[in-house]
Amino acid sequence: MNENKVVDDLRIKYWVEEHIPVNEIEMELYEAGFNEDEIAAGIRAYKKIKNAGKHSIGITCVIVGAVMGFLSCLLAILNPVPVMFSVFLYGITPIAILILFVGLYFLFE
């Protein structure tokens, strides 16, 4: 009877906390007696947990950039303080776009 082994979550969290490279993880699993499919599943789980933090940072940056961009556009159109028009249009908008693209980078990396 073939018994499938599963990599436990505690081991994966340890790898993430210690920043263990993927090739060392593969060697550790191979030495523990895992087959190729189980090693691949363990590596996928490791990468998924490792990238979860980047995903949440990316979503936050995208939201902040979108809100900043909307507000700067709205303030430039409404022009409540004529002296600040250039700041709204040429100062805050590029910063908002930069934050938005940083967030997109973290989301799609």
PDB file of N, CA and C in Angstrom:
ATOM      1  N   MET A   1       0.845  -1.180   0.000  1.00  0.00           N
ATOM      2  CA  MET A   1       0.000   0.000   0.000  1.00  0.00           C
ATOM      3  C   MET A   1       0.882   1.233   0.000  1.00  0.00           C
ATOM      4  N   ASN A   2       0.606   2.140  -0.902  1.00  0.00           N
ATOM      5  CA  ASN A   2       1.398   3.358  -1.045  1.00  0.00           C
ATOM      6  C   ASN A   2       0.857   4.423  -0.107  1.00  0.00           C
ATOM      7  N   GLU A   3       1.699   4.914   0.762  1.00  0.00           N
ATOM      8  CA  GLU A   3       1.269   5.923   1.738  1.00  0.00           C
ATOM      9  C   GLU A   3       1.765   7.293   1.284  1.00  0.00           C
ATOM     10  N   ASN A   4       0.852   8.231   1.062  1.00  0.00           N
ATOM     11  CA  ASN A   4       1.235   9.580   0.668  1.00  0.00           C
ATOM     12  C   ASN A   4       1.584  10.393   1.897  1.00  0.00           C
ATOM     13  N   LYS A   5       2.707  11.068   1.820  1.00  0.00           N
ATOM     14  CA  LYS A   5       3.128  11.947   2.902  1.00  0.00           C
ATOM     15  C   LYS A   5       2.754  13.373   2.543  1.00  0.00           C
ATOM     16  N   VAL A   6       2.453  14.157   3.552  1.00  0.00           N
ATOM     17  CA  VAL A   6       2.105  15.555   3.347  1.00  0.00           C
ATOM     18  C   VAL A   6       3.029  16.394   4.218  1.00  0.00           C
ATOM     19  N   VAL A   7       3.536  17.477   3.648  1.00  0.00           N
ATOM     20  CA  VAL A   7       4.395  18.381   4.405  1.00  0.00           C
ATOM     21  C   VAL A   7       3.513  19.172   5.366  1.00  0.00           C
ATOM     22  N   ASP A   8       3.866  19.168   6.646  1.00  0.00           N
ATOM     23  CA  ASP A   8       3.027  19.840   7.635  1.00  0.00           C
ATOM     24  C   ASP A   8       3.259  21.348   7.617  1.00  0.00           C
ATOM     25  N   ASP A   9       2.253  22.075   8.098  1.00  0.00           N
ATOM     26  CA  ASP A   9       2.276  23.538   8.065  1.00  0.00           C
ATOM     27  C   ASP A   9       3.370  24.124   8.956  1.00  0.00           C
ATOM     28  N   LEU A  10       3.670  23.473  10.054  1.00  0.00           N
ATOM     29  CA  LEU A  10       4.713  23.984  10.950  1.00  0.00           C
ATOM     30  C   LEU A  10       6.070  23.998  10.258  1.00  0.00           C
ATOM     31  N   ARG A  11       6.340  22.956   9.491  1.00  0.00           N
ATOM     32  CA  ARG A  11       7.607  22.900   8.761  1.00  0.00           C
ATOM     33  C   ARG A  11       7.667  23.998   7.708  1.00  0.00           C
ATOM     34  N   ILE A  12       6.562  24.216   7.004  1.00  0.00           N
ATOM     35  CA  ILE A  12       6.520  25.254   5.972  1.00  0.00           C
ATOM     36  C   ILE A  12       6.696  26.635   6.601  1.00  0.00           C
ATOM     37  N   LYS A  13       6.028  26.894   7.727  1.00  0.00           N
ATOM     38  CA  LYS A  13       6.174  28.189   8.396  1.00  0.00           C
ATOM     39  C   LYS A  13       7.603  28.403   8.882  1.00  0.00           C
ATOM     40  N   TYR A  14       8.247  27.340   9.317  1.00  0.00           N
ATOM     41  CA  TYR A  14       9.647  27.433   9.736  1.00  0.00           C
ATOM     42  C   TYR A  14      10.519  27.838   8.551  1.00  0.00           C
ATOM     43  N   TRP A  15      10.283  27.215   7.381  1.00  0.00           N
ATOM     44  CA  TRP A  15      11.057  27.560   6.191  1.00  0.00           C
ATOM     45  C   TRP A  15      10.864  29.020   5.805  1.00  0.00           C
ATOM     46  N   VAL A  16       9.630  29.507   5.900  1.00  0.00           N
ATOM     47  CA  VAL A  16       9.348  30.894   5.548  1.00  0.00           C
ATOM     48  C   VAL A  16      10.044  31.840   6.525  1.00  0.00           C
ATOM     49  N   GLU A  17       9.970  31.550   7.808  1.00  0.00           N
ATOM     50  CA  GLU A  17      10.589  32.412   8.815  1.00  0.00           C
ATOM     51  C   GLU A  17      12.106  32.429   8.697  1.00  0.00           C
ATOM     52  N   GLU A  18      12.697  31.306   8.355  1.00  0.00           N
ATOM     53  CA  GLU A  18      14.155  31.203   8.264  1.00  0.00           C
ATOM     54  C   GLU A  18      14.695  31.546   6.871  1.00  0.00           C
ATOM     55  N   HIS A  19      13.812  31.828   5.904  1.00  0.00           N
ATOM     56  CA  HIS A  19      14.196  32.176   4.527  1.00  0.00           C
ATOM     57  C   HIS A  19      15.081  31.089   3.901  1.00  0.00           C
ATOM     58  N   ILE A  20      14.623  29.866   4.016  1.00  0.00           N
ATOM     59  CA  ILE A  20      15.356  28.724   3.473  1.00  0.00           C
ATOM     60  C   ILE A  20      15.189  28.708   1.953  1.00  0.00           C
ATOM     61  N   PRO A  21      16.281  28.575   1.190  1.00  0.00           N
ATOM     62  CA  PRO A  21      16.166  28.505  -0.274  1.00  0.00           C
ATOM     63  C   PRO A  21      15.425  27.243  -0.728  1.00  0.00           C
ATOM     64  N   VAL A  22      14.851  27.315  -1.904  1.00  0.00           N
ATOM     65  CA  VAL A  22      14.031  26.221  -2.433  1.00  0.00           C
ATOM     66  C   VAL A  22      14.864  24.956  -2.644  1.00  0.00           C
ATOM     67  N   ASN A  23      16.100  25.104  -3.096  1.00  0.00           N
ATOM     68  CA  ASN A  23      16.909  23.903  -3.342  1.00  0.00           C
ATOM     69  C   ASN A  23      17.227  23.165  -2.036  1.00  0.00           C
ATOM     70  N   GLU A  24      17.400  23.884  -0.935  1.00  0.00           N
ATOM     71  CA  GLU A  24      17.614  23.218   0.348  1.00  0.00           C
ATOM     72  C   GLU A  24      16.338  22.525   0.836  1.00  0.00           C
ATOM     73  N   ILE A  25      15.195  23.136   0.562  1.00  0.00           N
ATOM     74  CA  ILE A  25      13.916  22.514   0.926  1.00  0.00           C
ATOM     75  C   ILE A  25      13.729  21.218   0.147  1.00  0.00           C
ATOM     76  N   GLU A  26      14.044  21.260  -1.148  1.00  0.00           N
ATOM     77  CA  GLU A  26      13.933  20.048  -1.967  1.00  0.00           C
ATOM     78  C   GLU A  26      14.837  18.938  -1.427  1.00  0.00           C
ATOM     79  N   MET A  27      16.061  19.292  -1.062  1.00  0.00           N
ATOM     80  CA  MET A  27      16.979  18.285  -0.526  1.00  0.00           C
ATOM     81  C   MET A  27      16.478  17.714   0.805  1.00  0.00           C
ATOM     82  N   GLU A  28      15.937  18.597   1.656  1.00  0.00           N
ATOM     83  CA  GLU A  28      15.411  18.135   2.952  1.00  0.00           C
ATOM     84  C   GLU A  28      14.245  17.171   2.759  1.00  0.00           C
ATOM     85  N   LEU A  29      13.356  17.495   1.841  1.00  0.00           N
ATOM     86  CA  LEU A  29      12.216  16.614   1.590  1.00  0.00           C
ATOM     87  C   LEU A  29      12.647  15.307   0.943  1.00  0.00           C
ATOM     88  N   TYR A  30      13.632  15.394   0.050  1.00  0.00           N
ATOM     89  CA  TYR A  30      14.132  14.181  -0.595  1.00  0.00           C
ATOM     90  C   TYR A  30      14.770  13.248   0.436  1.00  0.00           C
ATOM     91  N   GLU A  31      15.531  13.829   1.352  1.00  0.00           N
ATOM     92  CA  GLU A  31      16.174  13.030   2.397  1.00  0.00           C
ATOM     93  C   GLU A  31      15.152  12.457   3.387  1.00  0.00           C
ATOM     94  N   ALA A  32      13.994  13.134   3.527  1.00  0.00           N
ATOM     95  CA  ALA A  32      12.959  12.653   4.436  1.00  0.00           C
ATOM     96  C   ALA A  32      12.123  11.534   3.811  1.00  0.00           C
ATOM     97  N   GLY A  33      12.351  11.259   2.528  1.00  0.00           N
ATOM     98  CA  GLY A  33      11.665  10.132   1.903  1.00  0.00           C
ATOM     99  C   GLY A  33      10.443  10.517   1.077  1.00  0.00           C
ATOM    100  N   PHE A  34      10.290  11.771   0.736  1.00  0.00           N
ATOM    101  CA  PHE A  34       9.165  12.202  -0.097  1.00  0.00           C
ATOM    102  C   PHE A  34       9.473  11.891  -1.561  1.00  0.00           C
ATOM    103  N   ASN A  35       8.418  11.602  -2.352  1.00  0.00           N
ATOM    104  CA  ASN A  35       8.632  11.387  -3.776  1.00  0.00           C
ATOM    105  C   ASN A  35       8.524  12.717  -4.520  1.00  0.00           C
ATOM    106  N   GLU A  36       8.689  12.669  -5.844  1.00  0.00           N
ATOM    107  CA  GLU A  36       8.736  13.894  -6.660  1.00  0.00           C
ATOM    108  C   GLU A  36       7.449  14.723  -6.565  1.00  0.00           C
ATOM    109  N   ASP A  37       6.305  14.069  -6.625  1.00  0.00           N
ATOM    110  CA  ASP A  37       5.026  14.784  -6.570  1.00  0.00           C
ATOM    111  C   ASP A  37       4.812  15.447  -5.216  1.00  0.00           C
ATOM    112  N   GLU A  38       5.182  14.754  -4.171  1.00  0.00           N
ATOM    113  CA  GLU A  38       5.014  15.318  -2.832  1.00  0.00           C
ATOM    114  C   GLU A  38       5.970  16.486  -2.601  1.00  0.00           C
ATOM    115  N   ILE A  39       7.179  16.393  -3.165  1.00  0.00           N
ATOM    116  CA  ILE A  39       8.125  17.499  -3.064  1.00  0.00           C
ATOM    117  C   ILE A  39       7.590  18.706  -3.815  1.00  0.00           C
ATOM    118  N   ALA A  40       7.045  18.489  -5.003  1.00  0.00           N
ATOM    119  CA  ALA A  40       6.483  19.593  -5.784  1.00  0.00           C
ATOM    120  C   ALA A  40       5.311  20.236  -5.048  1.00  0.00           C
ATOM    121  N   ALA A  41       4.466  19.429  -4.420  1.00  0.00           N
ATOM    122  CA  ALA A  41       3.338  19.973  -3.659  1.00  0.00           C
ATOM    123  C   ALA A  41       3.832  20.774  -2.453  1.00  0.00           C
ATOM    124  N   GLY A  42       4.877  20.297  -1.799  1.00  0.00           N
ATOM    125  CA  GLY A  42       5.444  21.024  -0.669  1.00  0.00           C
ATOM    126  C   GLY A  42       6.036  22.359  -1.086  1.00  0.00           C
ATOM    127  N   ILE A  43       6.711  22.379  -2.227  1.00  0.00           N
ATOM    128  CA  ILE A  43       7.299  23.628  -2.742  1.00  0.00           C
ATOM    129  C   ILE A  43       6.198  24.609  -3.122  1.00  0.00           C
ATOM    130  N   ARG A  44       5.112  24.119  -3.732  1.00  0.00           N
ATOM    131  CA  ARG A  44       3.987  25.008  -4.076  1.00  0.00           C
ATOM    132  C   ARG A  44       3.375  25.620  -2.825  1.00  0.00           C
ATOM    133  N   ALA A  45       3.202  24.804  -1.790  1.00  0.00           N
ATOM    134  CA  ALA A  45       2.638  25.315  -0.539  1.00  0.00           C
ATOM    135  C   ALA A  45       3.568  26.345   0.097  1.00  0.00           C
ATOM    136  N   TYR A  46       4.866  26.088   0.038  1.00  0.00           N
ATOM    137  CA  TYR A  46       5.859  27.031   0.576  1.00  0.00           C
ATOM    138  C   TYR A  46       5.783  28.370  -0.151  1.00  0.00           C
ATOM    139  N   LYS A  47       5.756  28.339  -1.486  1.00  0.00           N
ATOM    140  CA  LYS A  47       5.705  29.575  -2.265  1.00  0.00           C
ATOM    141  C   LYS A  47       4.393  30.325  -2.042  1.00  0.00           C
ATOM    142  N   LYS A  48       3.303  29.583  -1.870  1.00  0.00           N
ATOM    143  CA  LYS A  48       2.005  30.215  -1.638  1.00  0.00           C
ATOM    144  C   LYS A  48       2.004  30.975  -0.321  1.00  0.00           C
ATOM    145  N   ILE A  49       2.522  30.369   0.728  1.00  0.00           N
ATOM    146  CA  ILE A  49       2.566  31.042   2.034  1.00  0.00           C
ATOM    147  C   ILE A  49       3.554  32.197   2.004  1.00  0.00           C
ATOM    148  N   LYS A  50       4.671  32.011   1.312  1.00  0.00           N
ATOM    149  CA  LYS A  50       5.692  33.057   1.236  1.00  0.00           C
ATOM    150  C   LYS A  50       5.179  34.294   0.501  1.00  0.00           C
ATOM    151  N   ASN A  51       4.384  34.106  -0.530  1.00  0.00           N
ATOM    152  CA  ASN A  51       3.885  35.229  -1.323  1.00  0.00           C
ATOM    153  C   ASN A  51       2.619  35.853  -0.760  1.00  0.00           C
ATOM    154  N   ALA A  52       2.029  35.265   0.269  1.00  0.00           N
ATOM    155  CA  ALA A  52       0.798  35.815   0.841  1.00  0.00           C
ATOM    156  C   ALA A  52       1.037  37.195   1.438  1.00  0.00           C
ATOM    157  N   GLY A  53       2.184  37.412   2.054  1.00  0.00           N
ATOM    158  CA  GLY A  53       2.502  38.728   2.625  1.00  0.00           C
ATOM    159  C   GLY A  53       2.642  39.791   1.547  1.00  0.00           C
ATOM    160  N   LYS A  54       3.295  39.447   0.446  1.00  0.00           N
ATOM    161  CA  LYS A  54       3.443  40.387  -0.664  1.00  0.00           C
ATOM    162  C   LYS A  54       2.088  40.726  -1.263  1.00  0.00           C
ATOM    163  N   HIS A  55       1.203  39.753  -1.296  1.00  0.00           N
ATOM    164  CA  HIS A  55      -0.129  39.972  -1.861  1.00  0.00           C
ATOM    165  C   HIS A  55      -0.903  41.009  -1.051  1.00  0.00           C
ATOM    166  N   SER A  56      -0.854  40.906   0.269  1.00  0.00           N
ATOM    167  CA  SER A  56      -1.589  41.866   1.101  1.00  0.00           C
ATOM    168  C   SER A  56      -0.972  43.258   1.012  1.00  0.00           C
ATOM    169  N   ILE A  57       0.358  43.349   0.924  1.00  0.00           N
ATOM    170  CA  ILE A  57       1.009  44.651   0.739  1.00  0.00           C
ATOM    171  C   ILE A  57       0.597  45.247  -0.598  1.00  0.00           C
ATOM    172  N   GLY A  58       0.530  44.419  -1.628  1.00  0.00           N
ATOM    173  CA  GLY A  58       0.140  44.891  -2.956  1.00  0.00           C
ATOM    174  C   GLY A  58      -1.276  45.415  -2.989  1.00  0.00           C
ATOM    175  N   ILE A  59      -2.197  44.718  -2.356  1.00  0.00           N
ATOM    176  CA  ILE A  59      -3.587  45.180  -2.323  1.00  0.00           C
ATOM    177  C   ILE A  59      -3.686  46.511  -1.599  1.00  0.00           C
ATOM    178  N   THR A  60      -2.964  46.648  -0.485  1.00  0.00           N
ATOM    179  CA  THR A  60      -2.985  47.897   0.273  1.00  0.00           C
ATOM    180  C   THR A  60      -2.445  49.049  -0.565  1.00  0.00           C
ATOM    181  N   CYS A  61      -1.329  48.834  -1.250  1.00  0.00           N
ATOM    182  CA  CYS A  61      -0.749  49.890  -2.082  1.00  0.00           C
ATOM    183  C   CYS A  61      -1.665  50.278  -3.239  1.00  0.00           C
ATOM    184  N   VAL A  62      -2.303  49.296  -3.844  1.00  0.00           N
ATOM    185  CA  VAL A  62      -3.221  49.596  -4.951  1.00  0.00           C
ATOM    186  C   VAL A  62      -4.391  50.441  -4.454  1.00  0.00           C
ATOM    187  N   ILE A  63      -4.948  50.091  -3.317  1.00  0.00           N
ATOM    188  CA  ILE A  63      -6.077  50.852  -2.774  1.00  0.00           C
ATOM    189  C   ILE A  63      -5.656  52.270  -2.421  1.00  0.00           C
ATOM    190  N   VAL A  64      -4.515  52.413  -1.740  1.00  0.00           N
ATOM    191  CA  VAL A  64      -4.031  53.750  -1.354  1.00  0.00           C
ATOM    192  C   VAL A  64      -3.735  54.583  -2.598  1.00  0.00           C
ATOM    193  N   GLY A  65      -3.081  54.005  -3.587  1.00  0.00           N
ATOM    194  CA  GLY A  65      -2.767  54.733  -4.813  1.00  0.00           C
ATOM    195  C   GLY A  65      -4.018  55.149  -5.575  1.00  0.00           C
ATOM    196  N   ALA A  66      -5.006  54.275  -5.632  1.00  0.00           N
ATOM    197  CA  ALA A  66      -6.245  54.606  -6.339  1.00  0.00           C
ATOM    198  C   ALA A  66      -7.008  55.726  -5.638  1.00  0.00           C
ATOM    199  N   VAL A  67      -7.076  55.665  -4.320  1.00  0.00           N
ATOM    200  CA  VAL A  67      -7.777  56.719  -3.574  1.00  0.00           C
ATOM    201  C   VAL A  67      -7.038  58.043  -3.703  1.00  0.00           C
ATOM    202  N   MET A  68      -5.716  58.015  -3.577  1.00  0.00           N
ATOM    203  CA  MET A  68      -4.936  59.254  -3.731  1.00  0.00           C
ATOM    204  C   MET A  68      -5.108  59.839  -5.129  1.00  0.00           C
ATOM    205  N   GLY A  69      -5.063  58.988  -6.141  1.00  0.00           N
ATOM    206  CA  GLY A  69      -5.237  59.457  -7.515  1.00  0.00           C
ATOM    207  C   GLY A  69      -6.615  60.051  -7.743  1.00  0.00           C
ATOM    208  N   PHE A  70      -7.638  59.387  -7.214  1.00  0.00           N
ATOM    209  CA  PHE A  70      -8.994  59.910  -7.359  1.00  0.00           C
ATOM    210  C   PHE A  70      -9.140  61.264  -6.670  1.00  0.00           C
ATOM    211  N   LEU A  71      -8.625  61.359  -5.450  1.00  0.00           N
ATOM    212  CA  LEU A  71      -8.737  62.624  -4.715  1.00  0.00           C
ATOM    213  C   LEU A  71      -7.948  63.746  -5.385  1.00  0.00           C
ATOM    214  N   SER A  72      -6.754  63.444  -5.878  1.00  0.00           N
ATOM    215  CA  SER A  72      -5.980  64.494  -6.541  1.00  0.00           C
ATOM    216  C   SER A  72      -6.659  64.944  -7.829  1.00  0.00           C
ATOM    217  N   CYS A  73      -7.237  64.013  -8.553  1.00  0.00           N
ATOM    218  CA  CYS A  73      -7.974  64.366  -9.774  1.00  0.00           C
ATOM    219  C   CYS A  73      -9.206  65.197  -9.432  1.00  0.00           C
ATOM    220  N   LEU A  74      -9.924  64.779  -8.419  1.00  0.00           N
ATOM    221  CA  LEU A  74     -11.120  65.507  -8.001  1.00  0.00           C
ATOM    222  C   LEU A  74     -10.777  66.916  -7.530  1.00  0.00           C
ATOM    223  N   LEU A  75      -9.732  67.046  -6.742  1.00  0.00           N
ATOM    224  CA  LEU A  75      -9.328  68.364  -6.260  1.00  0.00           C
ATOM    225  C   LEU A  75      -8.794  69.242  -7.383  1.00  0.00           C
ATOM    226  N   ALA A  76      -8.145  68.652  -8.376  1.00  0.00           N
ATOM    227  CA  ALA A  76      -7.676  69.438  -9.522  1.00  0.00           C
ATOM    228  C   ALA A  76      -8.852  69.914 -10.370  1.00  0.00           C
ATOM    229  N   ILE A  77      -9.888  69.099 -10.499  1.00  0.00           N
ATOM    230  CA  ILE A  77     -11.057  69.492 -11.293  1.00  0.00           C
ATOM    231  C   ILE A  77     -11.893  70.538 -10.564  1.00  0.00           C
ATOM    232  N   LEU A  78     -12.146  70.309  -9.272  1.00  0.00           N
ATOM    233  CA  LEU A  78     -12.959  71.250  -8.501  1.00  0.00           C
ATOM    234  C   LEU A  78     -12.222  72.556  -8.215  1.00  0.00           C
ATOM    235  N   ASN A  79     -10.906  72.463  -8.072  1.00  0.00           N
ATOM    236  CA  ASN A  79     -10.044  73.612  -7.844  1.00  0.00           C
ATOM    237  C   ASN A  79     -10.520  74.465  -6.656  1.00  0.00           C
ATOM    238  N   PRO A  80     -10.622  73.880  -5.444  1.00  0.00           N
ATOM    239  CA  PRO A  80     -11.099  74.638  -4.289  1.00  0.00           C
ATOM    240  C   PRO A  80     -10.109  75.709  -3.837  1.00  0.00           C
ATOM    241  N   VAL A  81      -8.825  75.470  -4.015  1.00  0.00           N
ATOM    242  CA  VAL A  81      -7.791  76.452  -3.672  1.00  0.00           C
ATOM    243  C   VAL A  81      -6.959  76.655  -4.931  1.00  0.00           C
ATOM    244  N   PRO A  82      -7.189  77.742  -5.654  1.00  0.00           N
ATOM    245  CA  PRO A  82      -6.514  77.926  -6.945  1.00  0.00           C
ATOM    246  C   PRO A  82      -4.986  77.883  -6.855  1.00  0.00           C
ATOM    247  N   VAL A  83      -4.437  78.287  -5.748  1.00  0.00           N
ATOM    248  CA  VAL A  83      -2.980  78.279  -5.598  1.00  0.00           C
ATOM    249  C   VAL A  83      -2.441  76.850  -5.579  1.00  0.00           C
ATOM    250  N   MET A  84      -3.229  75.898  -5.108  1.00  0.00           N
ATOM    251  CA  MET A  84      -2.800  74.510  -4.951  1.00  0.00           C
ATOM    252  C   MET A  84      -3.074  73.633  -6.181  1.00  0.00           C
ATOM    253  N   PHE A  85      -3.567  74.220  -7.278  1.00  0.00           N
ATOM    254  CA  PHE A  85      -3.902  73.442  -8.464  1.00  0.00           C
ATOM    255  C   PHE A  85      -2.712  72.620  -8.961  1.00  0.00           C
ATOM    256  N   SER A  86      -1.550  73.240  -9.055  1.00  0.00           N
ATOM    257  CA  SER A  86      -0.358  72.537  -9.552  1.00  0.00           C
ATOM    258  C   SER A  86       0.065  71.418  -8.615  1.00  0.00           C
ATOM    259  N   VAL A  87      -0.096  71.636  -7.311  1.00  0.00           N
ATOM    260  CA  VAL A  87       0.267  70.595  -6.348  1.00  0.00           C
ATOM    261  C   VAL A  87      -0.645  69.390  -6.510  1.00  0.00           C
ATOM    262  N   PHE A  88      -1.941  69.637  -6.653  1.00  0.00           N
ATOM    263  CA  PHE A  88      -2.884  68.532  -6.823  1.00  0.00           C
ATOM    264  C   PHE A  88      -2.628  67.777  -8.114  1.00  0.00           C
ATOM    265  N   LEU A  89      -2.443  68.526  -9.205  1.00  0.00           N
ATOM    266  CA  LEU A  89      -2.340  67.899 -10.516  1.00  0.00           C
ATOM    267  C   LEU A  89      -0.961  67.303 -10.780  1.00  0.00           C
ATOM    268  N   TYR A  90       0.094  68.040 -10.466  1.00  0.00           N
ATOM    269  CA  TYR A  90       1.439  67.607 -10.829  1.00  0.00           C
ATOM    270  C   TYR A  90       2.237  67.040  -9.656  1.00  0.00           C
ATOM    271  N   GLY A  91       1.758  67.155  -8.458  1.00  0.00           N
ATOM    272  CA  GLY A  91       2.484  66.656  -7.300  1.00  0.00           C
ATOM    273  C   GLY A  91       1.923  65.360  -6.760  1.00  0.00           C
ATOM    274  N   ILE A  92       0.625  65.362  -6.476  1.00  0.00           N
ATOM    275  CA  ILE A  92       0.021  64.192  -5.834  1.00  0.00           C
ATOM    276  C   ILE A  92      -0.299  63.093  -6.846  1.00  0.00           C
ATOM    277  N   THR A  93      -0.699  63.464  -8.047  1.00  0.00           N
ATOM    278  CA  THR A  93      -1.064  62.454  -9.051  1.00  0.00           C
ATOM    279  C   THR A  93       0.102  61.531  -9.406  1.00  0.00           C
ATOM    280  N   PRO A  94       1.304  62.037  -9.686  1.00  0.00           N
ATOM    281  CA  PRO A  94       2.408  61.103  -9.977  1.00  0.00           C
ATOM    282  C   PRO A  94       2.762  60.203  -8.788  1.00  0.00           C
ATOM    283  N   ILE A  95       2.665  60.734  -7.573  1.00  0.00           N
ATOM    284  CA  ILE A  95       2.931  59.915  -6.393  1.00  0.00           C
ATOM    285  C   ILE A  95       1.889  58.804  -6.289  1.00  0.00           C
ATOM    286  N   ALA A  96       0.635  59.146  -6.561  1.00  0.00           N
ATOM    287  CA  ALA A  96      -0.433  58.141  -6.525  1.00  0.00           C
ATOM    288  C   ALA A  96      -0.204  57.064  -7.580  1.00  0.00           C
ATOM    289  N   ILE A  97       0.201  57.462  -8.754  1.00  0.00           N
ATOM    290  CA  ILE A  97       0.465  56.493  -9.823  1.00  0.00           C
ATOM    291  C   ILE A  97       1.640  55.597  -9.447  1.00  0.00           C
ATOM    292  N   LEU A  98       2.664  56.167  -8.843  1.00  0.00           N
ATOM    293  CA  LEU A  98       3.819  55.384  -8.413  1.00  0.00           C
ATOM    294  C   LEU A  98       3.419  54.347  -7.365  1.00  0.00           C
ATOM    295  N   ILE A  99       2.645  54.761  -6.364  1.00  0.00           N
ATOM    296  CA  ILE A  99       2.178  53.833  -5.328  1.00  0.00           C
ATOM    297  C   ILE A  99       1.301  52.742  -5.941  1.00  0.00           C
ATOM    298  N   LEU A 100       0.457  53.121  -6.878  1.00  0.00           N
ATOM    299  CA  LEU A 100      -0.412  52.152  -7.549  1.00  0.00           C
ATOM    300  C   LEU A 100       0.399  51.097  -8.294  1.00  0.00           C
ATOM    301  N   PHE A 101       1.426  51.517  -9.028  1.00  0.00           N
ATOM    302  CA  PHE A 101       2.234  50.559  -9.779  1.00  0.00           C
ATOM    303  C   PHE A 101       3.116  49.700  -8.873  1.00  0.00           C
ATOM    304  N   VAL A 102       3.557  50.236  -7.754  1.00  0.00           N
ATOM    305  CA  VAL A 102       4.287  49.413  -6.793  1.00  0.00           C
ATOM    306  C   VAL A 102       3.361  48.317  -6.269  1.00  0.00           C
ATOM    307  N   GLY A 103       2.115  48.688  -5.976  1.00  0.00           N
ATOM    308  CA  GLY A 103       1.147  47.693  -5.536  1.00  0.00           C
ATOM    309  C   GLY A 103       0.881  46.638  -6.586  1.00  0.00           C
ATOM    310  N   LEU A 104       0.762  47.047  -7.830  1.00  0.00           N
ATOM    311  CA  LEU A 104       0.558  46.087  -8.919  1.00  0.00           C
ATOM    312  C   LEU A 104       1.762  45.156  -9.072  1.00  0.00           C
ATOM    313  N   TYR A 105       2.955  45.701  -8.861  1.00  0.00           N
ATOM    314  CA  TYR A 105       4.158  44.868  -8.921  1.00  0.00           C
ATOM    315  C   TYR A 105       4.094  43.764  -7.853  1.00  0.00           C
ATOM    316  N   PHE A 106       3.727  44.152  -6.614  1.00  0.00           N
ATOM    317  CA  PHE A 106       3.644  43.161  -5.554  1.00  0.00           C
ATOM    318  C   PHE A 106       2.527  42.149  -5.808  1.00  0.00           C
ATOM    319  N   LEU A 107       1.452  42.583  -6.417  1.00  0.00           N
ATOM    320  CA  LEU A 107       0.347  41.653  -6.704  1.00  0.00           C
ATOM    321  C   LEU A 107       0.724  40.618  -7.771  1.00  0.00           C
ATOM    322  N   PHE A 108       1.378  41.060  -8.818  1.00  0.00           N
ATOM    323  CA  PHE A 108       1.620  40.175  -9.958  1.00  0.00           C
ATOM    324  C   PHE A 108       3.012  39.560  -9.988  1.00  0.00           C
ATOM    325  N   GLU A 109       3.813  39.785  -8.965  1.00  0.00           N
ATOM    326  CA  GLU A 109       5.156  39.205  -8.927  1.00  0.00           C
ATOM    327  C   GLU A 109       5.084  37.726  -8.651  1.00  0.00           C
TER     328      GLU A 109
END
